[in-house]
Amino acid sequence: FRLEEQAVDLRLSRRLDPAWVRANAAPDGTHYLWPTLWHSLS
């Protein structure tokens, strides 16, 4: 939730609506991040 909210606050390119994430993600779930590339906002 914190990472999704920060991505929205910074207006990063790839993110989900934090409200959707809070409504649908398992509250006690385990989630994973797999790095794929560096991205920058030129």
PDB file of all heavy atoms in Angstrom:
ATOM      1  N   PHE A   1       0.836  -1.207   0.000  1.00  0.00           N
ATOM      2  CA  PHE A   1       0.000   0.000   0.000  1.00  0.00           C
ATOM      3  C   PHE A   1       0.871   1.257   0.000  1.00  0.00           C
ATOM      4  O   PHE A   1       0.609   2.206  -0.736  1.00  0.00           O
ATOM      5  CB  PHE A   1      -0.938   0.019   1.211  1.00  0.00           C
ATOM      6  CG  PHE A   1      -1.859  -1.179   1.318  1.00  0.00           C
ATOM      7  CD1 PHE A   1      -2.292  -1.610   2.556  1.00  0.00           C
ATOM      8  CD2 PHE A   1      -2.277  -1.873   0.200  1.00  0.00           C
ATOM      9  CE1 PHE A   1      -3.141  -2.702   2.682  1.00  0.00           C
ATOM     10  CE2 PHE A   1      -3.129  -2.984   0.307  1.00  0.00           C
ATOM     11  CZ  PHE A   1      -3.559  -3.392   1.549  1.00  0.00           C
ATOM     12  N   ARG A   2       1.901   1.254   0.821  1.00  0.00           N
ATOM     13  CA  ARG A   2       2.792   2.419   0.907  1.00  0.00           C
ATOM     14  C   ARG A   2       3.492   2.671  -0.428  1.00  0.00           C
ATOM     15  O   ARG A   2       3.556   3.812  -0.901  1.00  0.00           O
ATOM     16  CB  ARG A   2       3.817   2.191   2.023  1.00  0.00           C
ATOM     17  CG  ARG A   2       4.786   3.349   2.220  1.00  0.00           C
ATOM     18  CD  ARG A   2       5.805   3.067   3.322  1.00  0.00           C
ATOM     19  NE  ARG A   2       6.546   1.837   3.139  1.00  0.00           N
ATOM     20  CZ  ARG A   2       7.560   1.678   2.294  1.00  0.00           C
ATOM     21  NH1 ARG A   2       7.961   2.678   1.533  1.00  0.00           N
ATOM     22  NH2 ARG A   2       8.196   0.514   2.216  1.00  0.00           N
ATOM     23  N   LEU A   3       4.001   1.619  -1.062  1.00  0.00           N
ATOM     24  CA  LEU A   3       4.702   1.782  -2.340  1.00  0.00           C
ATOM     25  C   LEU A   3       3.764   2.270  -3.439  1.00  0.00           C
ATOM     26  O   LEU A   3       4.136   3.118  -4.261  1.00  0.00           O
ATOM     27  CB  LEU A   3       5.370   0.472  -2.750  1.00  0.00           C
ATOM     28  CG  LEU A   3       6.549   0.027  -1.889  1.00  0.00           C
ATOM     29  CD1 LEU A   3       6.958  -1.396  -2.245  1.00  0.00           C
ATOM     30  CD2 LEU A   3       7.713   0.995  -2.015  1.00  0.00           C
ATOM     31  N   GLU A   4       2.547   1.742  -3.475  1.00  0.00           N
ATOM     32  CA  GLU A   4       1.570   2.191  -4.478  1.00  0.00           C
ATOM     33  C   GLU A   4       1.207   3.655  -4.249  1.00  0.00           C
ATOM     34  O   GLU A   4       1.116   4.438  -5.195  1.00  0.00           O
ATOM     35  CB  GLU A   4       0.309   1.322  -4.455  1.00  0.00           C
ATOM     36  CG  GLU A   4       0.501  -0.070  -4.999  1.00  0.00           C
ATOM     37  CD  GLU A   4       0.608  -0.167  -6.523  1.00  0.00           C
ATOM     38  OE1 GLU A   4       0.585   0.867  -7.222  1.00  0.00           O
ATOM     39  OE2 GLU A   4       0.727  -1.308  -7.017  1.00  0.00           O
ATOM     40  N   GLU A   5       1.012   4.045  -2.991  1.00  0.00           N
ATOM     41  CA  GLU A   5       0.665   5.436  -2.691  1.00  0.00           C
ATOM     42  C   GLU A   5       1.812   6.371  -3.047  1.00  0.00           C
ATOM     43  O   GLU A   5       1.595   7.452  -3.595  1.00  0.00           O
ATOM     44  CB  GLU A   5       0.266   5.567  -1.220  1.00  0.00           C
ATOM     45  CG  GLU A   5      -1.091   4.944  -0.946  1.00  0.00           C
ATOM     46  CD  GLU A   5      -1.410   4.773   0.527  1.00  0.00           C
ATOM     47  OE1 GLU A   5      -0.558   5.085   1.391  1.00  0.00           O
ATOM     48  OE2 GLU A   5      -2.529   4.306   0.806  1.00  0.00           O
ATOM     49  N   GLN A   6       3.037   5.950  -2.768  1.00  0.00           N
ATOM     50  CA  GLN A   6       4.172   6.792  -3.122  1.00  0.00           C
ATOM     51  C   GLN A   6       4.295   6.933  -4.637  1.00  0.00           C
ATOM     52  O   GLN A   6       4.596   8.012  -5.140  1.00  0.00           O
ATOM     53  CB  GLN A   6       5.472   6.250  -2.555  1.00  0.00           C
ATOM     54  CG  GLN A   6       6.639   7.130  -2.981  1.00  0.00           C
ATOM     55  CD  GLN A   6       7.867   6.930  -2.173  1.00  0.00           C
ATOM     56  OE1 GLN A   6       8.023   5.931  -1.505  1.00  0.00           O
ATOM     57  NE2 GLN A   6       8.749   7.881  -2.235  1.00  0.00           N
ATOM     58  N   ALA A   7       4.053   5.856  -5.373  1.00  0.00           N
ATOM     59  CA  ALA A   7       4.112   5.927  -6.838  1.00  0.00           C
ATOM     60  C   ALA A   7       3.074   6.915  -7.375  1.00  0.00           C
ATOM     61  O   ALA A   7       3.351   7.663  -8.316  1.00  0.00           O
ATOM     62  CB  ALA A   7       3.909   4.536  -7.440  1.00  0.00           C
ATOM     63  N   VAL A   8       1.906   6.941  -6.758  1.00  0.00           N
ATOM     64  CA  VAL A   8       0.883   7.918  -7.165  1.00  0.00           C
ATOM     65  C   VAL A   8       1.344   9.325  -6.797  1.00  0.00           C
ATOM     66  O   VAL A   8       1.264  10.248  -7.613  1.00  0.00           O
ATOM     67  CB  VAL A   8      -0.483   7.591  -6.514  1.00  0.00           C
ATOM     68  CG1 VAL A   8      -1.468   8.733  -6.696  1.00  0.00           C
ATOM     69  CG2 VAL A   8      -1.046   6.308  -7.106  1.00  0.00           C
ATOM     70  N   ASP A   9       1.834   9.517  -5.575  1.00  0.00           N
ATOM     71  CA  ASP A   9       2.289  10.845  -5.130  1.00  0.00           C
ATOM     72  C   ASP A   9       3.378  11.405  -6.046  1.00  0.00           C
ATOM     73  O   ASP A   9       3.393  12.602  -6.340  1.00  0.00           O
ATOM     74  CB  ASP A   9       2.819  10.796  -3.694  1.00  0.00           C
ATOM     75  CG  ASP A   9       1.720  10.556  -2.670  1.00  0.00           C
ATOM     76  OD1 ASP A   9       0.524  10.692  -3.013  1.00  0.00           O
ATOM     77  OD2 ASP A   9       2.063  10.220  -1.520  1.00  0.00           O
ATOM     78  N   LEU A  10       4.292  10.524  -6.495  1.00  0.00           N
ATOM     79  CA  LEU A  10       5.382  10.958  -7.370  1.00  0.00           C
ATOM     80  C   LEU A  10       4.976  10.968  -8.846  1.00  0.00           C
ATOM     81  O   LEU A  10       5.761  11.356  -9.693  1.00  0.00           O
ATOM     82  CB  LEU A  10       6.603  10.050  -7.185  1.00  0.00           C
ATOM     83  CG  LEU A  10       7.310  10.147  -5.849  1.00  0.00           C
ATOM     84  CD1 LEU A  10       8.378   9.072  -5.727  1.00  0.00           C
ATOM     85  CD2 LEU A  10       7.913  11.534  -5.662  1.00  0.00           C
ATOM     86  N   ARG A  11       3.758  10.517  -9.126  1.00  0.00           N
ATOM     87  CA  ARG A  11       3.251  10.413 -10.499  1.00  0.00           C
ATOM     88  C   ARG A  11       4.161   9.548 -11.367  1.00  0.00           C
ATOM     89  O   ARG A  11       4.495   9.895 -12.492  1.00  0.00           O
ATOM     90  CB  ARG A  11       3.018  11.791 -11.107  1.00  0.00           C
ATOM     91  CG  ARG A  11       1.978  12.597 -10.344  1.00  0.00           C
ATOM     92  CD  ARG A  11       1.587  13.923 -10.974  1.00  0.00           C
ATOM     93  NE  ARG A  11       2.522  14.584 -11.839  1.00  0.00           N
ATOM     94  CZ  ARG A  11       3.403  15.525 -11.468  1.00  0.00           C
ATOM     95  NH1 ARG A  11       3.468  15.899 -10.208  1.00  0.00           N
ATOM     96  NH2 ARG A  11       4.198  16.090 -12.347  1.00  0.00           N
ATOM     97  N   LEU A  12       4.559   8.407 -10.809  1.00  0.00           N
ATOM     98  CA  LEU A  12       5.389   7.478 -11.553  1.00  0.00           C
ATOM     99  C   LEU A  12       4.541   6.784 -12.615  1.00  0.00           C
ATOM    100  O   LEU A  12       3.315   6.695 -12.496  1.00  0.00           O
ATOM    101  CB  LEU A  12       6.037   6.462 -10.612  1.00  0.00           C
ATOM    102  CG  LEU A  12       6.918   7.061  -9.510  1.00  0.00           C
ATOM    103  CD1 LEU A  12       7.511   5.960  -8.645  1.00  0.00           C
ATOM    104  CD2 LEU A  12       8.010   7.947 -10.099  1.00  0.00           C
ATOM    105  N   SER A  13       5.189   6.263 -13.625  1.00  0.00           N
ATOM    106  CA  SER A  13       4.483   5.734 -14.793  1.00  0.00           C
ATOM    107  C   SER A  13       3.715   4.453 -14.521  1.00  0.00           C
ATOM    108  O   SER A  13       2.624   4.254 -15.044  1.00  0.00           O
ATOM    109  CB  SER A  13       5.470   5.493 -15.934  1.00  0.00           C
ATOM    110  OG  SER A  13       6.090   6.695 -16.313  1.00  0.00           O
ATOM    111  N   ARG A  14       4.271   3.545 -13.747  1.00  0.00           N
ATOM    112  CA  ARG A  14       3.632   2.250 -13.510  1.00  0.00           C
ATOM    113  C   ARG A  14       3.209   2.125 -12.068  1.00  0.00           C
ATOM    114  O   ARG A  14       4.028   2.100 -11.157  1.00  0.00           O
ATOM    115  CB  ARG A  14       4.579   1.110 -13.874  1.00  0.00           C
ATOM    116  CG  ARG A  14       4.944   1.087 -15.319  1.00  0.00           C
ATOM    117  CD  ARG A  14       3.727   0.740 -16.151  1.00  0.00           C
ATOM    118  NE  ARG A  14       4.088   0.771 -17.558  1.00  0.00           N
ATOM    119  CZ  ARG A  14       3.289   1.181 -18.502  1.00  0.00           C
ATOM    120  NH1 ARG A  14       2.085   1.587 -18.223  1.00  0.00           N
ATOM    121  NH2 ARG A  14       3.686   1.173 -19.753  1.00  0.00           N
ATOM    122  N   ARG A  15       1.877   2.008 -11.900  1.00  0.00           N
ATOM    123  CA  ARG A  15       1.288   1.904 -10.569  1.00  0.00           C
ATOM    124  C   ARG A  15      -0.179   1.556 -10.737  1.00  0.00           C
ATOM    125  O   ARG A  15      -0.740   1.661 -11.819  1.00  0.00           O
ATOM    126  CB  ARG A  15       1.420   3.225  -9.833  1.00  0.00           C
ATOM    127  CG  ARG A  15       0.616   4.330 -10.530  1.00  0.00           C
ATOM    128  CD  ARG A  15       0.901   5.705 -10.017  1.00  0.00           C
ATOM    129  NE  ARG A  15       0.009   6.694 -10.571  1.00  0.00           N
ATOM    130  CZ  ARG A  15       0.238   7.403 -11.663  1.00  0.00           C
ATOM    131  NH1 ARG A  15       1.335   7.209 -12.360  1.00  0.00           N
ATOM    132  NH2 ARG A  15      -0.623   8.308 -12.084  1.00  0.00           N
ATOM    133  N   LEU A  16      -0.795   1.160  -9.648  1.00  0.00           N
ATOM    134  CA  LEU A  16      -2.233   0.909  -9.612  1.00  0.00           C
ATOM    135  C   LEU A  16      -2.887   1.949  -8.718  1.00  0.00           C
ATOM    136  O   LEU A  16      -2.220   2.588  -7.905  1.00  0.00           O
ATOM    137  CB  LEU A  16      -2.519  -0.489  -9.047  1.00  0.00           C
ATOM    138  CG  LEU A  16      -2.082  -1.666  -9.903  1.00  0.00           C
ATOM    139  CD1 LEU A  16      -2.189  -2.963  -9.101  1.00  0.00           C
ATOM    140  CD2 LEU A  16      -2.909  -1.752 -11.173  1.00  0.00           C
ATOM    141  N   ASP A  17      -4.184   2.054  -8.825  1.00  0.00           N
ATOM    142  CA  ASP A  17      -4.941   2.923  -7.931  1.00  0.00           C
ATOM    143  C   ASP A  17      -4.859   2.321  -6.524  1.00  0.00           C
ATOM    144  O   ASP A  17      -5.274   1.171  -6.316  1.00  0.00           O
ATOM    145  CB  ASP A  17      -6.386   2.993  -8.415  1.00  0.00           C
ATOM    146  CG  ASP A  17      -7.280   3.828  -7.533  1.00  0.00           C
ATOM    147  OD1 ASP A  17      -6.872   4.218  -6.417  1.00  0.00           O
ATOM    148  OD2 ASP A  17      -8.418   4.090  -7.955  1.00  0.00           O
ATOM    149  N   PRO A  18      -4.321   3.061  -5.559  1.00  0.00           N
ATOM    150  CA  PRO A  18      -4.205   2.510  -4.205  1.00  0.00           C
ATOM    151  C   PRO A  18      -5.543   2.047  -3.621  1.00  0.00           C
ATOM    152  O   PRO A  18      -5.573   1.078  -2.846  1.00  0.00           O
ATOM    153  CB  PRO A  18      -3.617   3.669  -3.395  1.00  0.00           C
ATOM    154  CG  PRO A  18      -2.870   4.481  -4.394  1.00  0.00           C
ATOM    155  CD  PRO A  18      -3.690   4.380  -5.662  1.00  0.00           C
ATOM    156  N   ALA A  19      -6.638   2.692  -3.984  1.00  0.00           N
ATOM    157  CA  ALA A  19      -7.945   2.260  -3.475  1.00  0.00           C
ATOM    158  C   ALA A  19      -8.277   0.858  -3.983  1.00  0.00           C
ATOM    159  O   ALA A  19      -8.806   0.027  -3.235  1.00  0.00           O
ATOM    160  CB  ALA A  19      -9.026   3.260  -3.885  1.00  0.00           C
ATOM    161  N   TRP A  20      -7.953   0.586  -5.249  1.00  0.00           N
ATOM    162  CA  TRP A  20      -8.189  -0.754  -5.805  1.00  0.00           C
ATOM    163  C   TRP A  20      -7.316  -1.773  -5.085  1.00  0.00           C
ATOM    164  O   TRP A  20      -7.779  -2.859  -4.726  1.00  0.00           O
ATOM    165  CB  TRP A  20      -7.906  -0.779  -7.308  1.00  0.00           C
ATOM    166  CG  TRP A  20      -8.250  -2.101  -7.907  1.00  0.00           C
ATOM    167  CD1 TRP A  20      -9.450  -2.479  -8.429  1.00  0.00           C
ATOM    168  CD2 TRP A  20      -7.396  -3.257  -7.993  1.00  0.00           C
ATOM    169  NE1 TRP A  20      -9.393  -3.791  -8.844  1.00  0.00           N
ATOM    170  CE2 TRP A  20      -8.144  -4.293  -8.588  1.00  0.00           C
ATOM    171  CE3 TRP A  20      -6.071  -3.508  -7.633  1.00  0.00           C
ATOM    172  CZ2 TRP A  20      -7.619  -5.558  -8.826  1.00  0.00           C
ATOM    173  CZ3 TRP A  20      -5.546  -4.777  -7.867  1.00  0.00           C
ATOM    174  CH2 TRP A  20      -6.319  -5.784  -8.458  1.00  0.00           C
ATOM    175  N   VAL A  21      -6.069  -1.426  -4.862  1.00  0.00           N
ATOM    176  CA  VAL A  21      -5.139  -2.340  -4.190  1.00  0.00           C
ATOM    177  C   VAL A  21      -5.647  -2.643  -2.783  1.00  0.00           C
ATOM    178  O   VAL A  21      -5.697  -3.797  -2.363  1.00  0.00           O
ATOM    179  CB  VAL A  21      -3.707  -1.776  -4.168  1.00  0.00           C
ATOM    180  CG1 VAL A  21      -2.778  -2.678  -3.375  1.00  0.00           C
ATOM    181  CG2 VAL A  21      -3.186  -1.588  -5.593  1.00  0.00           C
ATOM    182  N   ARG A  22      -6.051  -1.618  -2.045  1.00  0.00           N
ATOM    183  CA  ARG A  22      -6.560  -1.836  -0.672  1.00  0.00           C
ATOM    184  C   ARG A  22      -7.818  -2.695  -0.673  1.00  0.00           C
ATOM    185  O   ARG A  22      -8.002  -3.534   0.217  1.00  0.00           O
ATOM    186  CB  ARG A  22      -6.850  -0.506   0.008  1.00  0.00           C
ATOM    187  CG  ARG A  22      -5.610   0.187   0.494  1.00  0.00           C
ATOM    188  CD  ARG A  22      -5.967   1.392   1.370  1.00  0.00           C
ATOM    189  NE  ARG A  22      -4.788   2.109   1.744  1.00  0.00           N
ATOM    190  CZ  ARG A  22      -3.982   1.773   2.743  1.00  0.00           C
ATOM    191  NH1 ARG A  22      -4.253   0.715   3.467  1.00  0.00           N
ATOM    192  NH2 ARG A  22      -2.908   2.492   3.014  1.00  0.00           N
ATOM    193  N   ALA A  23      -8.669  -2.518  -1.669  1.00  0.00           N
ATOM    194  CA  ALA A  23      -9.925  -3.275  -1.729  1.00  0.00           C
ATOM    195  C   ALA A  23      -9.702  -4.729  -2.145  1.00  0.00           C
ATOM    196  O   ALA A  23     -10.506  -5.596  -1.787  1.00  0.00           O
ATOM    197  CB  ALA A  23     -10.890  -2.595  -2.700  1.00  0.00           C
ATOM    198  N   ASN A  24      -8.648  -5.007  -2.889  1.00  0.00           N
ATOM    199  CA  ASN A  24      -8.495  -6.335  -3.481  1.00  0.00           C
ATOM    200  C   ASN A  24      -7.317  -7.161  -2.974  1.00  0.00           C
ATOM    201  O   ASN A  24      -7.359  -8.386  -3.032  1.00  0.00           O
ATOM    202  CB  ASN A  24      -8.402  -6.203  -5.005  1.00  0.00           C
ATOM    203  CG  ASN A  24      -9.721  -5.788  -5.597  1.00  0.00           C
ATOM    204  OD1 ASN A  24     -10.625  -6.603  -5.746  1.00  0.00           O
ATOM    205  ND2 ASN A  24      -9.861  -4.510  -5.896  1.00  0.00           N
ATOM    206  N   ALA A  25      -6.263  -6.536  -2.499  1.00  0.00           N
ATOM    207  CA  ALA A  25      -5.102  -7.292  -2.012  1.00  0.00           C
ATOM    208  C   ALA A  25      -5.441  -7.940  -0.673  1.00  0.00           C
ATOM    209  O   ALA A  25      -6.125  -7.351   0.165  1.00  0.00           O
ATOM    210  CB  ALA A  25      -3.893  -6.374  -1.859  1.00  0.00           C
ATOM    211  N   ALA A  26      -4.952  -9.153  -0.493  1.00  0.00           N
ATOM    212  CA  ALA A  26      -5.152  -9.844   0.779  1.00  0.00           C
ATOM    213  C   ALA A  26      -4.465  -9.049   1.885  1.00  0.00           C
ATOM    214  O   ALA A  26      -3.270  -8.768   1.782  1.00  0.00           O
ATOM    215  CB  ALA A  26      -4.577 -11.251   0.701  1.00  0.00           C
ATOM    216  N   PRO A  27      -5.197  -8.660   2.933  1.00  0.00           N
ATOM    217  CA  PRO A  27      -4.601  -7.844   3.992  1.00  0.00           C
ATOM    218  C   PRO A  27      -3.372  -8.485   4.632  1.00  0.00           C
ATOM    219  O   PRO A  27      -2.441  -7.793   5.025  1.00  0.00           O
ATOM    220  CB  PRO A  27      -5.721  -7.687   5.014  1.00  0.00           C
ATOM    221  CG  PRO A  27      -6.978  -7.986   4.281  1.00  0.00           C
ATOM    222  CD  PRO A  27      -6.606  -8.942   3.183  1.00  0.00           C
ATOM    223  N   ASP A  28      -3.366  -9.803   4.719  1.00  0.00           N
ATOM    224  CA  ASP A  28      -2.224 -10.500   5.316  1.00  0.00           C
ATOM    225  C   ASP A  28      -1.424 -11.243   4.246  1.00  0.00           C
ATOM    226  O   ASP A  28      -0.690 -12.173   4.553  1.00  0.00           O
ATOM    227  CB  ASP A  28      -2.687 -11.460   6.410  1.00  0.00           C
ATOM    228  CG  ASP A  28      -3.691 -12.485   5.891  1.00  0.00           C
ATOM    229  OD1 ASP A  28      -4.170 -12.341   4.738  1.00  0.00           O
ATOM    230  OD2 ASP A  28      -3.990 -13.444   6.617  1.00  0.00           O
ATOM    231  N   GLY A  29      -1.581 -10.810   2.998  1.00  0.00           N
ATOM    232  CA  GLY A  29      -0.943 -11.493   1.875  1.00  0.00           C
ATOM    233  C   GLY A  29       0.548 -11.222   1.751  1.00  0.00           C
ATOM    234  O   GLY A  29       1.079 -10.268   2.316  1.00  0.00           O
ATOM    235  N   THR A  30       1.187 -12.090   1.006  1.00  0.00           N
ATOM    236  CA  THR A  30       2.583 -11.924   0.637  1.00  0.00           C
ATOM    237  C   THR A  30       2.613 -11.575  -0.842  1.00  0.00           C
ATOM    238  O   THR A  30       1.971 -12.227  -1.657  1.00  0.00           O
ATOM    239  CB  THR A  30       3.367 -13.229   0.888  1.00  0.00           C
ATOM    240  OG1 THR A  30       3.266 -13.546   2.285  1.00  0.00           O
ATOM    241  CG2 THR A  30       4.822 -13.086   0.507  1.00  0.00           C
ATOM    242  N   HIS A  31       3.377 -10.545  -1.173  1.00  0.00           N
ATOM    243  CA  HIS A  31       3.455 -10.028  -2.535  1.00  0.00           C
ATOM    244  C   HIS A  31       4.935  -9.956  -2.910  1.00  0.00           C
ATOM    245  O   HIS A  31       5.804  -9.916  -2.029  1.00  0.00           O
ATOM    246  CB  HIS A  31       2.802  -8.647  -2.619  1.00  0.00           C
ATOM    247  CG  HIS A  31       1.533  -8.557  -1.827  1.00  0.00           C
ATOM    248  ND1 HIS A  31       0.334  -9.088  -2.263  1.00  0.00           N
ATOM    249  CD2 HIS A  31       1.279  -8.040  -0.599  1.00  0.00           C
ATOM    250  CE1 HIS A  31      -0.606  -8.874  -1.354  1.00  0.00           C
ATOM    251  NE2 HIS A  31      -0.048  -8.243  -0.319  1.00  0.00           N
ATOM    252  N   TYR A  32       5.221  -9.916  -4.206  1.00  0.00           N
ATOM    253  CA  TYR A  32       6.610  -9.964  -4.656  1.00  0.00           C
ATOM    254  C   TYR A  32       6.904  -8.896  -5.701  1.00  0.00           C
ATOM    255  O   TYR A  32       6.053  -8.598  -6.546  1.00  0.00           O
ATOM    256  CB  TYR A  32       6.931 -11.342  -5.253  1.00  0.00           C
ATOM    257  CG  TYR A  32       6.810 -12.462  -4.261  1.00  0.00           C
ATOM    258  CD1 TYR A  32       5.623 -13.169  -4.127  1.00  0.00           C
ATOM    259  CD2 TYR A  32       7.877 -12.793  -3.443  1.00  0.00           C
ATOM    260  CE1 TYR A  32       5.500 -14.197  -3.209  1.00  0.00           C
ATOM    261  CE2 TYR A  32       7.767 -13.825  -2.512  1.00  0.00           C
ATOM    262  CZ  TYR A  32       6.578 -14.520  -2.401  1.00  0.00           C
ATOM    263  OH  TYR A  32       6.461 -15.533  -1.484  1.00  0.00           O
ATOM    264  N   LEU A  33       8.118  -8.373  -5.652  1.00  0.00           N
ATOM    265  CA  LEU A  33       8.622  -7.429  -6.653  1.00  0.00           C
ATOM    266  C   LEU A  33       9.813  -8.073  -7.357  1.00  0.00           C
ATOM    267  O   LEU A  33      10.778  -8.474  -6.700  1.00  0.00           O
ATOM    268  CB  LEU A  33       9.085  -6.130  -5.986  1.00  0.00           C
ATOM    269  CG  LEU A  33       8.011  -5.267  -5.356  1.00  0.00           C
ATOM    270  CD1 LEU A  33       8.649  -4.151  -4.526  1.00  0.00           C
ATOM    271  CD2 LEU A  33       7.102  -4.679  -6.428  1.00  0.00           C
ATOM    272  N   TRP A  34       9.738  -8.147  -8.688  1.00  0.00           N
ATOM    273  CA  TRP A  34      10.811  -8.715  -9.506  1.00  0.00           C
ATOM    274  C   TRP A  34      11.343  -7.591 -10.387  1.00  0.00           C
ATOM    275  O   TRP A  34      10.666  -7.147 -11.318  1.00  0.00           O
ATOM    276  CB  TRP A  34      10.251  -9.844 -10.365  1.00  0.00           C
ATOM    277  CG  TRP A  34      11.267 -10.588 -11.150  1.00  0.00           C
ATOM    278  CD1 TRP A  34      11.921 -10.141 -12.257  1.00  0.00           C
ATOM    279  CD2 TRP A  34      11.737 -11.913 -10.910  1.00  0.00           C
ATOM    280  NE1 TRP A  34      12.770 -11.095 -12.722  1.00  0.00           N
ATOM    281  CE2 TRP A  34      12.680 -12.202 -11.912  1.00  0.00           C
ATOM    282  CE3 TRP A  34      11.447 -12.874  -9.953  1.00  0.00           C
ATOM    283  CZ2 TRP A  34      13.337 -13.419 -11.975  1.00  0.00           C
ATOM    284  CZ3 TRP A  34      12.101 -14.085 -10.032  1.00  0.00           C
ATOM    285  CH2 TRP A  34      13.042 -14.353 -11.026  1.00  0.00           C
ATOM    286  N   PRO A  35      12.549  -7.084 -10.143  1.00  0.00           N
ATOM    287  CA  PRO A  35      13.082  -5.969 -10.938  1.00  0.00           C
ATOM    288  C   PRO A  35      13.258  -6.350 -12.408  1.00  0.00           C
ATOM    289  O   PRO A  35      13.738  -7.440 -12.718  1.00  0.00           O
ATOM    290  CB  PRO A  35      14.450  -5.693 -10.309  1.00  0.00           C
ATOM    291  CG  PRO A  35      14.481  -6.447  -9.034  1.00  0.00           C
ATOM    292  CD  PRO A  35      13.478  -7.542  -9.123  1.00  0.00           C
ATOM    293  N   THR A  36      12.833  -5.440 -13.303  1.00  0.00           N
ATOM    294  CA  THR A  36      12.941  -5.731 -14.732  1.00  0.00           C
ATOM    295  C   THR A  36      13.791  -4.725 -15.497  1.00  0.00           C
ATOM    296  O   THR A  36      14.444  -5.088 -16.457  1.00  0.00           O
ATOM    297  CB  THR A  36      11.552  -5.805 -15.394  1.00  0.00           C
ATOM    298  OG1 THR A  36      10.872  -4.569 -15.198  1.00  0.00           O
ATOM    299  CG2 THR A  36      10.739  -6.946 -14.823  1.00  0.00           C
ATOM    300  N   LEU A  37      13.764  -3.448 -15.093  1.00  0.00           N
ATOM    301  CA  LEU A  37      14.567  -2.448 -15.794  1.00  0.00           C
ATOM    302  C   LEU A  37      14.629  -1.163 -14.991  1.00  0.00           C
ATOM    303  O   LEU A  37      13.853  -0.956 -14.066  1.00  0.00           O
ATOM    304  CB  LEU A  37      14.007  -2.166 -17.196  1.00  0.00           C
ATOM    305  CG  LEU A  37      12.553  -1.678 -17.328  1.00  0.00           C
ATOM    306  CD1 LEU A  37      12.429  -0.177 -17.241  1.00  0.00           C
ATOM    307  CD2 LEU A  37      12.004  -2.127 -18.664  1.00  0.00           C
ATOM    308  N   TRP A  38      15.594  -0.320 -15.364  1.00  0.00           N
ATOM    309  CA  TRP A  38      15.654   1.029 -14.808  1.00  0.00           C
ATOM    310  C   TRP A  38      14.729   1.904 -15.631  1.00  0.00           C
ATOM    311  O   TRP A  38      14.664   1.776 -16.854  1.00  0.00           O
ATOM    312  CB  TRP A  38      17.069   1.596 -14.883  1.00  0.00           C
ATOM    313  CG  TRP A  38      18.008   1.038 -13.866  1.00  0.00           C
ATOM    314  CD1 TRP A  38      19.060   0.213 -14.094  1.00  0.00           C
ATOM    315  CD2 TRP A  38      17.995   1.287 -12.462  1.00  0.00           C
ATOM    316  NE1 TRP A  38      19.698  -0.080 -12.909  1.00  0.00           N
ATOM    317  CE2 TRP A  38      19.062   0.576 -11.896  1.00  0.00           C
ATOM    318  CE3 TRP A  38      17.167   2.042 -11.626  1.00  0.00           C
ATOM    319  CZ2 TRP A  38      19.345   0.592 -10.537  1.00  0.00           C
ATOM    320  CZ3 TRP A  38      17.445   2.060 -10.266  1.00  0.00           C
ATOM    321  CH2 TRP A  38      18.520   1.342  -9.736  1.00  0.00           C
ATOM    322  N   HIS A  39      14.039   2.800 -14.984  1.00  0.00           N
ATOM    323  CA  HIS A  39      13.152   3.724 -15.682  1.00  0.00           C
ATOM    324  C   HIS A  39      13.387   5.123 -15.125  1.00  0.00           C
ATOM    325  O   HIS A  39      13.599   5.292 -13.931  1.00  0.00           O
ATOM    326  CB  HIS A  39      11.685   3.324 -15.463  1.00  0.00           C
ATOM    327  CG  HIS A  39      10.731   4.163 -16.223  1.00  0.00           C
ATOM    328  ND1 HIS A  39      10.051   5.201 -15.649  1.00  0.00           N
ATOM    329  CD2 HIS A  39      10.363   4.133 -17.515  1.00  0.00           C
ATOM    330  CE1 HIS A  39       9.289   5.771 -16.565  1.00  0.00           C
ATOM    331  NE2 HIS A  39       9.460   5.145 -17.699  1.00  0.00           N
ATOM    332  N   SER A  40      13.360   6.096 -16.003  1.00  0.00           N
ATOM    333  CA  SER A  40      13.494   7.475 -15.534  1.00  0.00           C
ATOM    334  C   SER A  40      12.512   8.352 -16.291  1.00  0.00           C
ATOM    335  O   SER A  40      12.033   7.996 -17.369  1.00  0.00           O
ATOM    336  CB  SER A  40      14.919   7.984 -15.726  1.00  0.00           C
ATOM    337  OG  SER A  40      15.270   7.949 -17.090  1.00  0.00           O
ATOM    338  N   LEU A  41      12.209   9.470 -15.689  1.00  0.00           N
ATOM    339  CA  LEU A  41      11.297  10.445 -16.279  1.00  0.00           C
ATOM    340  C   LEU A  41      12.140  11.615 -16.769  1.00  0.00           C
ATOM    341  O   LEU A  41      12.422  12.538 -16.008  1.00  0.00           O
ATOM    342  CB  LEU A  41      10.260  10.892 -15.247  1.00  0.00           C
ATOM    343  CG  LEU A  41       9.417   9.773 -14.634  1.00  0.00           C
ATOM    344  CD1 LEU A  41       8.580  10.293 -13.480  1.00  0.00           C
ATOM    345  CD2 LEU A  41       8.542   9.125 -15.688  1.00  0.00           C
ATOM    346  N   SER A  42      12.550  11.563 -18.019  1.00  0.00           N
ATOM    347  CA  SER A  42      13.463  12.587 -18.539  1.00  0.00           C
ATOM    348  C   SER A  42      12.854  13.986 -18.480  1.00  0.00           C
ATOM    349  O   SER A  42      13.570  14.972 -18.333  1.00  0.00           O
ATOM    350  CB  SER A  42      13.885  12.246 -19.965  1.00  0.00           C
ATOM    351  OG  SER A  42      12.751  12.138 -20.799  1.00  0.00           O
TER     352      SER A  42
END
